[in-house]
Amino acid sequence: MKIYHYTSIETLALILKNKTLRFNNAKFVDDPNEAITKDYGSMQDYVFISCWSNESIESIPLWKIYGNNCHGVRLESDTKYIHFNGDETPINGINIVVENVKKEFYSDYFINLWQHDKPSINHYFETNYSDKERIFKKDTSTPTQKSWEYQVDAAFNTKATCWAFEKEIRFILLGCSLEPSKAKNNWQLVFNNITEKKKISSCFVDLMLFDDFFNNLTITTGPLQNESEKIIVQTLVQKYNQNIKVLGSKLQLRK
């Protein structure tokens, strides 16, 4: 799936130089209600997100909010170029501890969460928009319902309808303090770690990107970029990866 990420030139420089994609903790994203549920309160400490859009048409609101007020860039990539080591064998919607990350704290571990309730299992989420209260733990009143099953989409992938214009595609890493041998493919232990509010220290985690991401990357320069800003983008591409395509915005906005 084609995906689009609006950001600043400064962030672009860090992505190209470090070859990483930053996942921010839910406490620091624009929506203050991320990962807050009625039954378990805030679980923001444990949720790390990289946010994209699946809207191919340039979005003026996204340019203004995330693209440095139309002076930044839009990255065009594909979900298949965002890799999590070991993502070939998800079990019950949870994957092994991700290895291709640069961590803020050695004691924290990160698990790639999958959207496993779709016809085909995806390593990304198509964000839901709803104004209903979010409940994390499923209704266990039915005898066939396992007591430890959770509503992952409701807790970690639902935003209020006022955010629907974003048409968001997101990648989610869950942070936990479990040793990898205990966290590996164990849905129940990982969520127990979260619901019991086990300490985690990280505010972000950086996912290492591979060559296919950069070799297939297209950058669109912001509709209000001046000549010097365009020169900076071109210079970054020349320095770090000349395979990257650079296009100008098709929008015409009054300065």
Foldseek 3Di string as FASTA:
>chain_A
DKWKDAAALVVVLCCLVVQWDKWFQPCPDPANCALAAPPQGHLRVFKTKDKIAPDPADDQVNCCPHNVHLQGKMKIFDLVQQDFVQVPDADPQKAAFGDQKDFPDPQKTKIWGWPPVDPDIGSKDQAAADPDGADFFDDPPDPVDDRQDTDCRSRHRYHHPVPVVRRMIMTIITMFRDDRVVPHNDPRVSVVRSSVPPDDDGRMMIGRGDPVRQLRMEMEGGQPHDPVSVVSVVVSCVPRPVSYHYHYDPDHDDD
